[in-house]
Protein backbone atom coordinates (compact mmCIF):
# COMPACT_ATOMS: atom_id res chain seq x y z
CA MET A 1 226.10 28.86 77.35
CA LYS A 2 222.42 28.16 77.14
CA PRO A 3 221.44 26.23 73.95
CA ASN A 4 218.90 27.71 71.54
CA LYS A 5 215.39 26.35 71.83
CA GLN A 6 214.50 23.96 68.94
CA PRO A 7 211.58 25.24 66.90
CA VAL A 8 208.49 23.04 67.03
CA SER A 9 208.39 22.98 63.23
CA HIS A 10 211.81 21.27 63.12
CA SER A 11 210.63 18.52 65.46
CA ILE A 12 207.51 17.96 63.36
CA ALA A 13 209.63 17.82 60.18
CA PHE A 14 212.01 15.30 61.77
CA LEU A 15 209.18 13.02 62.92
CA ALA A 16 207.54 13.28 59.49
CA ALA A 17 210.79 12.29 57.80
CA VAL A 18 211.17 9.27 60.10
CA PHE A 19 207.57 8.24 59.45
CA LEU A 20 208.04 8.64 55.68
CA ALA A 21 211.23 6.58 55.71
CA LEU A 22 209.57 3.84 57.78
CA SER A 23 206.55 3.81 55.47
CA LEU A 24 208.75 3.50 52.38
CA PHE A 25 210.67 0.66 54.04
CA LEU A 26 207.51 -1.22 54.96
CA SER A 27 206.22 -0.72 51.40
CA ARG A 28 209.34 -2.22 49.80
CA PRO A 29 208.93 -4.82 47.03
CA ALA A 30 208.74 -8.48 47.99
CA SER A 31 211.91 -9.11 46.00
CA PHE A 32 213.91 -7.38 48.76
CA GLU A 33 212.86 -9.95 51.34
CA THR A 34 215.88 -12.17 50.70
CA LEU A 35 218.09 -9.29 51.85
CA ILE A 36 216.07 -7.98 54.79
CA TRP A 37 213.81 -10.89 55.51
CA LYS A 38 213.44 -10.34 59.25
CA PHE A 39 211.42 -7.16 58.89
CA PRO A 40 207.74 -7.23 57.89
CA ARG A 41 206.03 -5.16 55.19
CA TRP A 42 202.71 -3.27 55.39
CA VAL A 43 200.96 -6.13 53.63
CA ASP A 44 202.22 -8.50 56.32
CA LEU A 45 201.08 -6.28 59.15
CA LEU A 46 197.64 -5.75 57.65
CA GLU A 47 197.12 -9.36 56.56
CA GLU A 48 194.98 -11.49 58.85
CA ASP A 49 196.92 -14.37 60.36
CA SER A 50 195.31 -17.56 59.06
CA ALA A 51 197.62 -19.91 60.93
CA VAL A 52 196.13 -22.85 62.77
CA THR A 53 197.63 -23.59 66.17
CA VAL A 54 199.21 -26.87 67.18
CA GLU A 55 196.60 -27.25 69.89
CA GLU A 56 193.80 -26.85 67.35
CA ILE A 57 195.31 -29.60 65.20
CA LYS A 58 195.64 -31.87 68.21
CA THR A 59 191.98 -31.26 69.07
CA LEU A 60 190.91 -31.86 65.45
CA LEU A 61 192.75 -35.18 65.16
CA ASN A 62 191.26 -36.27 68.47
CA ASN A 63 187.79 -35.29 67.24
CA TYR A 64 188.23 -37.52 64.21
CA GLN A 65 188.73 -40.48 66.50
CA GLN A 66 185.94 -39.59 68.93
CA PHE A 67 183.27 -38.36 66.51
CA ALA A 68 180.11 -40.49 66.78
CA LEU A 69 182.23 -43.29 68.19
CA GLN A 70 179.28 -45.27 69.57
CA GLU A 71 177.23 -44.95 66.37
CA GLU A 72 180.19 -46.11 64.29
CA LYS A 73 180.78 -49.04 66.64
CA ASP A 74 177.11 -50.07 66.38
CA THR A 75 177.26 -49.93 62.57
CA LEU A 76 180.40 -52.04 62.42
CA GLU A 77 179.06 -54.56 64.92
CA THR A 78 175.77 -54.86 63.05
CA ALA A 79 177.55 -55.53 59.76
CA ALA A 80 179.97 -58.01 61.31
CA GLY A 81 177.21 -59.72 63.29
CA VAL A 82 175.02 -60.36 60.28
CA ALA A 83 178.06 -61.41 58.25
CA SER A 84 178.97 -64.08 60.79
CA ALA A 85 175.49 -65.54 60.49
CA MET A 86 175.83 -66.03 56.74
CA GLU A 87 177.23 -69.06 55.00
CA ALA A 88 180.91 -68.32 54.27
CA ASP A 89 184.24 -69.86 53.45
CA THR A 90 186.05 -69.98 56.80
CA SER A 91 189.40 -71.05 55.38
CA HIS A 92 190.70 -67.46 55.50
CA ALA A 93 191.26 -66.85 59.18
CA ASP A 94 192.56 -63.32 58.70
CA THR A 95 189.64 -62.04 56.62
CA VAL A 96 186.24 -60.67 57.56
CA MET A 97 183.48 -63.18 56.85
CA PRO A 98 181.31 -61.97 53.98
CA VAL A 99 177.60 -61.46 53.83
CA LYS A 100 175.65 -62.95 50.96
CA VAL A 101 176.05 -60.44 48.15
CA ILE A 102 172.80 -59.35 46.52
CA SER A 103 173.49 -57.49 43.32
CA VAL A 104 171.31 -54.44 42.74
CA GLU A 105 172.25 -53.25 39.28
CA GLY A 106 172.60 -49.49 38.81
CA GLU A 107 172.22 -48.69 42.51
CA SER A 108 174.69 -47.63 45.16
CA TYR A 109 174.35 -48.57 48.82
CA ASP A 110 172.46 -46.73 51.55
CA ARG A 111 174.76 -43.99 52.92
CA GLU A 112 172.15 -42.17 54.99
CA ASP A 113 174.07 -42.83 58.23
CA ALA A 114 177.47 -41.78 56.82
CA ALA A 115 177.31 -38.27 58.27
CA ASN A 116 176.35 -39.69 61.67
CA VAL A 117 179.22 -42.14 62.00
CA LEU A 118 182.05 -40.18 60.36
CA HIS A 119 183.37 -36.66 60.86
CA PRO A 120 182.29 -34.44 57.92
CA ASP A 121 185.92 -33.80 56.91
CA LEU A 122 186.51 -37.54 56.48
CA LEU A 123 183.55 -38.26 54.23
CA LEU A 124 184.18 -39.47 50.70
CA GLN A 125 182.54 -37.12 48.21
CA GLY A 126 181.03 -38.14 44.90
CA ASN A 127 177.84 -38.62 42.94
CA GLU A 128 175.56 -41.65 42.80
CA ARG A 129 177.45 -43.18 39.87
CA ALA A 130 180.78 -42.97 41.72
CA PHE A 131 179.36 -44.77 44.77
CA GLU A 132 177.83 -47.43 42.52
CA ARG A 133 181.33 -48.28 41.33
CA LEU A 134 182.61 -48.31 44.91
CA ALA A 135 179.79 -50.70 45.83
CA SER A 136 180.90 -52.99 43.00
CA PHE A 137 184.43 -52.94 44.43
CA PHE A 138 183.10 -53.85 47.88
CA SER A 139 181.09 -56.75 46.46
CA LYS A 140 184.27 -58.21 44.98
CA LEU A 141 186.16 -57.70 48.24
CA ASN A 142 183.35 -59.43 50.08
CA ALA A 143 183.41 -62.58 47.96
CA PRO A 144 184.12 -65.77 49.95
CA VAL A 145 187.29 -66.38 47.94
CA ARG A 146 189.18 -63.35 46.64
CA SER A 147 191.11 -65.23 44.00
CA PRO A 148 192.74 -64.16 41.80
CA SER A 149 193.86 -61.34 44.05
CA LEU A 150 192.31 -57.89 43.67
CA HIS A 151 194.72 -55.08 42.80
CA VAL A 152 194.65 -51.41 43.80
CA PHE A 153 197.07 -48.92 42.20
CA HIS A 154 197.99 -45.89 44.29
CA PHE A 155 199.48 -43.31 41.88
CA GLY A 156 200.88 -40.13 43.37
CA ASP A 157 203.70 -37.63 43.64
CA SER A 158 206.52 -37.44 46.21
CA GLN A 159 203.94 -37.32 49.02
CA ILE A 160 203.68 -41.14 48.72
CA GLU A 161 207.32 -41.79 47.87
CA GLY A 162 209.05 -44.57 49.78
CA ASP A 163 205.72 -46.42 50.22
CA ARG A 164 204.45 -43.70 52.57
CA ILE A 165 200.66 -43.77 53.05
CA THR A 166 200.41 -46.73 50.63
CA GLY A 167 202.29 -49.09 52.96
CA VAL A 168 199.93 -48.41 55.86
CA LEU A 169 196.88 -48.94 53.65
CA ARG A 170 198.33 -52.17 52.27
CA SER A 171 198.98 -53.54 55.74
CA LYS A 172 195.52 -52.66 57.06
CA TRP A 173 193.63 -53.83 53.98
CA GLN A 174 195.47 -57.14 53.87
CA GLU A 175 194.59 -57.65 57.54
CA THR A 176 190.93 -57.12 56.62
CA TRP A 177 190.66 -58.78 53.22
CA GLY A 178 193.64 -61.13 53.14
CA GLY A 179 196.61 -61.25 50.83
CA SER A 180 200.32 -60.57 51.19
CA GLY A 181 203.32 -59.20 49.33
CA PRO A 182 204.46 -55.62 48.58
CA GLY A 183 202.96 -55.48 45.07
CA PHE A 184 204.82 -54.10 42.06
CA LEU A 185 208.30 -52.68 42.70
CA ALA A 186 210.03 -50.35 40.24
CA PRO A 187 213.56 -51.64 39.48
CA ALA A 188 216.64 -49.50 40.22
CA GLN A 189 214.47 -47.28 42.42
CA PRO A 190 216.69 -44.53 43.95
CA ILE A 191 214.34 -43.88 46.90
CA PRO A 192 214.66 -46.65 49.51
CA SER A 193 211.46 -48.53 50.26
CA PRO A 194 210.69 -49.63 53.84
CA SER A 195 209.45 -52.97 52.47
CA MET A 196 212.21 -54.04 50.09
CA LYS A 197 215.88 -53.21 49.66
CA GLN A 198 217.37 -53.14 46.14
CA GLU A 199 220.87 -53.64 44.84
CA TRP A 200 221.98 -53.73 41.22
CA SER A 201 225.07 -54.25 39.12
CA SER A 202 226.82 -51.32 37.50
CA ASP A 203 225.57 -49.36 34.48
CA TRP A 204 221.83 -49.60 35.09
CA LYS A 205 219.96 -46.39 34.32
CA ARG A 206 216.41 -45.39 35.25
CA TYR A 207 214.37 -43.34 32.79
CA THR A 208 211.23 -41.43 33.86
CA ARG A 209 208.50 -39.49 32.08
CA PHE A 210 208.19 -37.24 35.15
CA GLY A 211 210.76 -34.93 36.68
CA LYS A 212 213.81 -34.48 34.47
CA VAL A 213 213.04 -36.36 31.24
CA ASP A 214 215.97 -37.82 29.30
CA SER A 215 215.81 -36.24 25.84
CA THR A 216 217.63 -39.22 24.28
CA ILE A 217 214.53 -41.40 24.78
CA GLU A 218 212.53 -41.02 21.58
CA HIS A 219 209.54 -43.19 22.48
CA ASN A 220 206.71 -43.14 25.05
CA ARG A 221 206.96 -46.73 26.34
CA TYR A 222 207.30 -45.77 30.01
CA GLY A 223 204.56 -48.10 31.27
CA MET A 224 202.31 -47.95 34.32
CA PHE A 225 205.01 -46.46 36.60
CA ALA A 226 205.92 -43.85 33.94
CA ALA A 227 209.44 -45.23 34.34
CA PHE A 228 211.65 -48.11 33.32
CA ALA A 229 215.20 -49.28 33.98
CA GLN A 230 217.63 -50.51 31.35
CA HIS A 231 221.19 -51.66 31.45
CA ASP A 232 223.75 -49.84 29.30
CA ASN A 233 224.86 -52.72 27.12
CA SER A 234 227.67 -50.70 25.56
CA LYS A 235 229.71 -51.06 28.76
CA GLY A 236 230.30 -54.74 28.07
CA GLU A 237 228.88 -56.32 31.23
CA ILE A 238 227.77 -59.86 30.42
CA SER A 239 225.14 -60.55 33.08
CA PRO A 240 223.54 -57.42 34.57
CA TRP A 241 221.40 -58.13 37.62
CA ILE A 242 219.06 -56.60 40.20
CA ARG A 243 218.58 -58.10 43.68
CA PHE A 244 215.64 -57.63 46.06
CA THR A 245 215.99 -58.29 49.80
CA PRO A 246 213.37 -57.70 52.52
CA GLN A 247 214.07 -54.79 54.82
CA PRO A 248 214.75 -56.05 58.38
CA ARG A 249 211.84 -54.09 59.88
CA SER A 250 209.44 -54.69 57.03
CA SER A 251 205.99 -56.12 57.67
CA LYS A 252 205.96 -59.91 57.66
CA ARG A 253 203.21 -59.80 55.05
CA ASN A 254 205.60 -58.07 52.64
CA GLN A 255 207.89 -61.10 52.87
CA ILE A 256 205.20 -63.66 52.01
CA TYR A 257 204.18 -64.30 48.42
CA ASP A 258 203.60 -67.22 46.09
CA GLN A 259 203.82 -65.49 42.71
CA ILE A 260 206.44 -63.39 40.94
CA HIS A 261 205.42 -61.14 38.05
CA LEU A 262 207.98 -59.60 35.72
CA VAL A 263 206.72 -56.70 33.60
CA LEU A 264 209.03 -56.07 30.66
CA GLY A 265 208.96 -53.74 27.67
CA ARG A 266 210.88 -53.82 24.46
CA THR A 267 213.97 -55.99 23.97
CA ASP A 268 216.21 -54.94 21.08
CA THR A 269 218.10 -58.19 20.67
CA ALA A 270 217.72 -61.78 21.81
CA SER A 271 218.26 -62.20 25.53
CA SER A 272 217.16 -64.30 28.48
CA VAL A 273 216.24 -63.71 32.10
CA THR A 274 216.97 -65.95 35.09
CA LEU A 275 215.37 -65.74 38.53
CA GLU A 276 217.15 -67.00 41.63
CA LEU A 277 215.16 -67.31 44.83
CA ASN A 278 217.23 -67.68 48.01
CA ASN A 279 220.28 -68.35 45.78
CA ASP A 280 218.58 -71.27 44.00
CA THR A 281 217.63 -70.98 40.33
CA LEU A 282 213.86 -70.79 40.08
CA LYS A 283 213.23 -70.20 36.37
CA SER A 284 214.84 -69.04 33.10
CA PHE A 285 213.03 -67.49 30.14
CA GLN A 286 213.96 -66.55 26.59
CA LEU A 287 212.70 -63.04 25.87
CA LYS A 288 210.91 -62.03 22.69
CA VAL A 289 212.56 -59.43 20.51
CA ASP A 290 210.70 -56.13 19.90
CA SER A 291 207.86 -56.92 22.27
CA LEU A 292 205.85 -53.88 23.35
CA HIS A 293 204.80 -55.58 26.55
CA SER A 294 205.27 -58.95 28.19
CA THR A 295 204.36 -60.23 31.64
CA LEU A 296 206.08 -63.32 32.98
CA VAL A 297 204.23 -65.01 35.83
CA ILE A 298 206.30 -67.39 37.92
CA PRO A 299 204.43 -69.37 40.59
CA ILE A 300 206.54 -70.54 43.52
CA PRO A 301 206.20 -74.29 44.21
CA GLN A 302 204.42 -74.71 47.51
CA ASP A 303 206.61 -77.62 48.52
CA SER A 304 209.75 -75.49 48.24
CA GLY A 305 209.06 -73.67 51.48
CA ALA A 306 210.27 -70.47 49.81
CA VAL A 307 206.87 -68.84 50.23
CA ARG A 308 207.54 -68.61 53.97
CA SER A 309 211.29 -68.04 53.95
CA PHE A 310 211.98 -65.29 51.44
CA GLU A 311 215.56 -64.08 51.83
CA THR A 312 216.57 -62.75 48.42
CA LEU A 313 215.38 -62.59 44.82
CA LYS A 314 217.96 -62.02 42.08
CA ILE A 315 216.95 -61.23 38.49
CA SER A 316 219.75 -61.44 35.93
CA PHE A 317 219.86 -61.03 32.16
CA GLU A 318 222.01 -62.63 29.49
CA GLY A 319 222.48 -60.47 26.43
CA SER A 320 220.78 -57.11 25.89
CA SER A 321 218.58 -56.14 28.82
CA PRO A 322 214.96 -55.22 28.09
CA GLU A 323 213.15 -52.10 29.20
CA PHE A 324 212.46 -53.37 32.71
CA HIS A 325 209.27 -51.88 34.19
CA ALA A 326 208.49 -53.76 37.41
CA VAL A 327 208.71 -56.92 39.44
CA GLY A 328 205.59 -57.92 41.37
CA LEU A 329 205.46 -60.03 44.53
CA TRP A 330 202.12 -61.13 46.02
CA SER A 331 199.85 -64.00 46.95
CA GLN A 332 197.27 -65.51 44.61
CA SER A 333 194.32 -64.39 46.76
CA GLY A 334 193.35 -61.37 48.86
CA ILE A 335 194.19 -57.77 48.02
CA VAL A 336 197.38 -56.20 46.64
CA VAL A 337 198.15 -52.47 46.89
CA HIS A 338 200.80 -50.98 44.57
CA ASN A 339 202.77 -47.81 45.32
CA ALA A 340 203.48 -45.81 42.14
CA ALA A 341 205.23 -42.64 43.29
CA MET A 342 206.25 -40.04 40.69
CA ARG A 343 208.34 -37.26 42.23
CA GLY A 344 207.58 -33.88 40.69
CA SER A 345 204.56 -35.06 38.69
CA SER A 346 201.33 -33.06 38.56
CA GLY A 347 199.38 -36.19 37.61
CA THR A 348 198.73 -35.08 34.03
CA LEU A 349 201.26 -37.34 32.29
CA PHE A 350 199.29 -40.56 31.76
CA ARG A 351 197.97 -39.54 28.35
CA GLN A 352 201.57 -39.03 27.25
CA LEU A 353 202.35 -42.73 27.80
CA ASN A 354 201.95 -45.46 25.21
CA ARG A 355 198.29 -46.31 25.66
CA ALA A 356 198.48 -49.87 24.35
CA GLN A 357 201.30 -50.69 26.75
CA LEU A 358 199.66 -48.96 29.73
CA THR A 359 196.41 -50.81 29.05
CA ALA A 360 198.15 -54.18 28.75
CA GLN A 361 200.05 -53.70 32.00
CA LEU A 362 197.05 -52.57 34.06
CA ARG A 363 194.96 -55.42 32.67
CA SER A 364 197.68 -58.01 33.24
CA VAL A 365 196.37 -58.22 36.81
CA ARG A 366 192.86 -57.94 38.26
CA THR A 367 192.87 -54.17 38.75
CA GLU A 368 189.80 -53.15 40.75
CA MET A 369 190.58 -49.62 42.00
CA ILE A 370 192.70 -46.63 40.94
CA MET A 371 193.75 -43.98 43.47
CA LEU A 372 195.24 -40.70 42.24
CA GLN A 373 197.01 -38.42 44.74
CA TYR A 374 198.23 -35.33 42.91
CA GLY A 375 197.94 -31.56 42.75
CA GLY A 376 200.70 -30.35 45.06
CA ASN A 377 203.33 -29.99 42.35
CA ALA A 378 201.05 -27.78 40.26
CA VAL A 379 200.14 -25.36 43.06
CA PRO A 380 203.28 -23.13 43.02
CA TYR A 381 203.01 -22.59 39.26
CA LEU A 382 199.30 -21.81 38.91
CA LYS A 383 198.95 -18.05 39.30
CA ASP A 384 195.43 -17.31 38.07
CA THR A 385 192.01 -18.91 37.68
CA ALA A 386 192.47 -19.46 33.94
CA SER A 387 195.59 -21.58 34.44
CA ILE A 388 193.85 -23.51 37.24
CA ARG A 389 190.89 -24.27 34.96
CA ARG A 390 193.28 -25.52 32.27
CA PHE A 391 194.98 -27.77 34.80
CA GLY A 392 191.56 -29.08 35.86
CA GLY A 393 190.78 -29.97 32.26
CA TRP A 394 194.05 -31.87 31.89
CA PHE A 395 193.44 -33.74 35.14
CA ALA A 396 189.90 -34.64 34.08
CA SER A 397 191.29 -36.19 30.90
CA GLN A 398 193.50 -38.48 33.01
CA ILE A 399 190.45 -39.74 34.91
CA ARG A 400 188.67 -40.41 31.62
CA LEU A 401 191.70 -42.33 30.36
CA PHE A 402 191.64 -44.71 33.33
CA GLN A 403 187.88 -45.12 32.97
CA ALA A 404 188.34 -46.06 29.31
CA ILE A 405 191.08 -48.57 30.12
CA LEU A 406 189.26 -50.02 33.15
CA PRO A 407 185.50 -49.55 32.66
CA GLU A 408 183.40 -49.44 35.85
CA VAL A 409 186.46 -49.55 38.11
CA PRO A 410 186.20 -46.86 40.85
CA ILE A 411 188.60 -43.92 40.59
CA LEU A 412 189.36 -42.29 43.94
CA VAL A 413 191.17 -38.94 43.97
CA ILE A 414 193.05 -37.91 47.10
CA GLY A 415 193.41 -34.15 46.82
CA PRO A 416 196.40 -31.91 47.56
CA SER A 417 197.40 -31.30 51.15
CA ASP A 418 197.96 -27.87 52.64
CA MET A 419 201.29 -26.30 51.58
CA CYS A 420 202.90 -23.15 52.95
CA GLU A 421 205.30 -20.54 51.65
CA LYS A 422 207.00 -17.71 53.51
CA SER A 423 205.05 -14.46 53.56
CA GLY A 424 206.89 -11.84 55.57
CA THR A 425 207.65 -13.42 58.91
CA ARG A 426 204.92 -16.08 58.69
CA MET A 427 204.28 -19.30 56.79
CA GLN A 428 201.07 -18.93 54.79
CA THR A 429 199.12 -21.31 52.57
CA TYR A 430 199.82 -20.82 48.85
CA PRO A 431 197.16 -18.32 47.73
CA MET A 432 195.91 -20.46 44.85
CA LEU A 433 195.87 -23.78 46.70
CA PRO A 434 192.21 -23.65 47.84
CA PHE A 435 191.16 -22.85 44.25
CA VAL A 436 193.23 -25.74 42.89
CA ARG A 437 191.58 -28.01 45.45
CA ASP A 438 188.12 -26.76 44.47
CA VAL A 439 188.72 -27.36 40.75
CA ILE A 440 190.14 -30.87 41.28
CA LYS A 441 187.22 -31.77 43.54
CA SER A 442 184.69 -30.37 41.07
CA ILE A 443 186.03 -32.14 37.98
CA THR A 444 186.51 -35.37 39.97
CA MET A 445 182.82 -35.45 40.84
CA GLN A 446 181.82 -34.42 37.31
CA GLU A 447 183.77 -37.41 35.98
CA ASN A 448 181.92 -39.85 38.29
CA ALA A 449 184.93 -40.38 40.54
CA LEU A 450 185.29 -40.09 44.33
CA TYR A 451 187.17 -37.37 46.21
CA TRP A 452 188.84 -37.37 49.63
CA ASP A 453 189.88 -33.92 50.86
CA VAL A 454 193.31 -34.01 52.54
CA PHE A 455 193.33 -30.20 52.73
CA GLU A 456 190.27 -30.13 54.98
CA VAL A 457 191.34 -33.24 56.89
CA MET A 458 194.55 -31.45 57.87
CA GLY A 459 192.61 -28.46 59.19
CA GLY A 460 192.34 -26.28 56.09
CA SER A 461 194.24 -23.12 55.24
CA GLY A 462 197.26 -22.51 57.46
CA SER A 463 197.26 -26.00 58.98
CA MET A 464 200.56 -27.19 57.49
CA ALA A 465 202.62 -24.91 59.76
CA ALA A 466 200.95 -26.47 62.81
CA TRP A 467 201.66 -29.98 61.47
CA VAL A 468 205.33 -28.97 61.15
CA GLU A 469 205.43 -27.55 64.69
CA SER A 470 203.64 -30.51 66.29
CA SER A 471 205.55 -32.72 68.69
CA PRO A 472 206.54 -35.08 67.24
CA PRO A 473 206.46 -33.27 63.87
CA LEU A 474 203.76 -34.47 61.47
CA ALA A 475 205.23 -32.60 58.49
CA SER A 476 208.70 -31.66 57.27
CA PRO A 477 210.33 -28.21 57.57
CA ASP A 478 209.76 -27.69 53.84
CA HIS A 479 206.06 -27.23 54.74
CA VAL A 480 205.10 -29.51 51.84
CA HIS A 481 205.72 -33.14 52.77
CA PHE A 482 204.48 -35.23 55.67
CA THR A 483 206.91 -36.92 58.01
CA ALA A 484 206.63 -40.70 58.35
CA GLN A 485 204.34 -40.19 61.35
CA GLY A 486 202.25 -37.60 59.54
CA ALA A 487 201.89 -39.92 56.55
CA ARG A 488 200.70 -42.67 58.92
CA GLU A 489 198.17 -40.25 60.40
CA ILE A 490 196.76 -39.43 56.95
CA ALA A 491 196.75 -43.11 55.93
CA ASN A 492 194.91 -44.11 59.11
CA LEU A 493 192.28 -41.41 58.58
CA PHE A 494 191.76 -42.37 54.95
CA ASN A 495 191.50 -46.02 55.98
CA LYS A 496 188.89 -45.02 58.55
CA SER A 497 186.88 -43.34 55.80
CA LEU A 498 187.00 -46.31 53.42
CA GLN A 499 186.42 -48.96 56.07
CA THR A 500 183.39 -47.02 57.33
CA GLU A 501 181.98 -46.95 53.79
CA TRP A 502 182.57 -50.69 53.58
CA ALA A 503 180.74 -51.20 56.91
CA LEU A 504 177.79 -49.17 55.60
CA TRP A 505 177.76 -51.32 52.46
CA GLN A 506 177.86 -54.45 54.64
CA ALA A 507 174.90 -53.21 56.69
CA TRP A 508 172.97 -52.36 53.50
CA GLN A 509 173.66 -55.84 52.11
CA ALA A 510 172.52 -57.36 55.39
CA ASP A 511 169.22 -55.45 55.17
CA LEU A 512 168.74 -56.65 51.59
CA THR A 513 169.47 -60.22 52.65
CA LEU A 514 166.95 -60.09 55.50
CA SER A 515 164.32 -58.49 53.27
CA ASP A 516 164.91 -61.15 50.65
CA ALA A 517 164.45 -63.88 53.26
CA LEU A 518 161.06 -62.54 54.43
């Protein structure tokens, strides 16, 4: 039997129904993506792919190293050559010999050649006042004897956790300007540090003003790390302790120090602290009751040999333990770089800390630079320009706080890196991230601070996915955090930026010296 011929109208109706069904499917709400995530939507098909390729990232990173290489080499050699001709203290074999510093009040250094010797993405950005403060920092670094040691605090979120980025900077800066030791270490730190291993007796608890805040803490005495550790005295342990041991693969400089600093907060009842270095008692102290802040400085006798053979440091308490903020290990000269990582923080918490205590702790050492690396934790929650502007205002107030506590000390903001979220079948930069970056950069410069743009250094919008896909990977699969190798890459590039600025300052000082001699 011959089948009936299908009317053309039926075929058209069928195709129209299929097209309508497909259109409705592609127009589905984003909330359905968890159920049918493999299939794109219209918005995904129409959206321009902003992804940066792995090859483009490789080329960009290579360009950073090759850009104006000869000009940069000439600048560095000129600065170093004039420096070696100047009268200097040659007792520091591992430091760069300083030029004679000529102070020019109210004036920054000549940066005219900066754009010729450094890739535009790597340039520090700021106004004249910000670079004046950086010049003041360089003049102190360039002194024949950097004693007492100069201190740099690197505050940041989880991007610097575990001494990432900071550790590389510390190592390179101590090679250039001298010094040793890992700086301040937060006690009972749950994230392992590559420089120092920690162990502690039972019933210690760490309290933080970032992340999940313990509601039982009814004060704001969290100190410079926005965290402190305290032993639970109700459990009946007589002598709670914390032990620090160098990590086997840690830098040798991290294992060399000749001073120990204990930073303690309030102590409710009479107690004492004892320090044992390499299992030998070094010092015991009676602690003051109800002290808002106390810093105990314990020099290590040079004839003990302990300065070169650090194996273990044990800190134990008799009686009620204080609010224990940090232990610091460093040499009496050179430069010290502190890692202050605050997982989950947006960088707007410093005004919530006890100001008198924060001021006392930052001034207990010779603090000469503050670095703030924040912004990433705020990005997913800022949905419009109004909320971004409010965040910018809060962040600006943090910069002003540090400037009030440490007048004329340079503040250097390291902006948020690229971050990606899933959009259809692709990983795309968070829509508001570039605007967050722009606001942070703008308010940083308005507040006479310096800005270094990690977002652009990475390659801009869409670059994080390529950093994740690189071989070896430079970023983690979460498309937020750098891997150890990626963190080293960022640290090396930032170091290149700062060291180039220092070389330009050196060359400027050399010109002033020669002009003064004529």
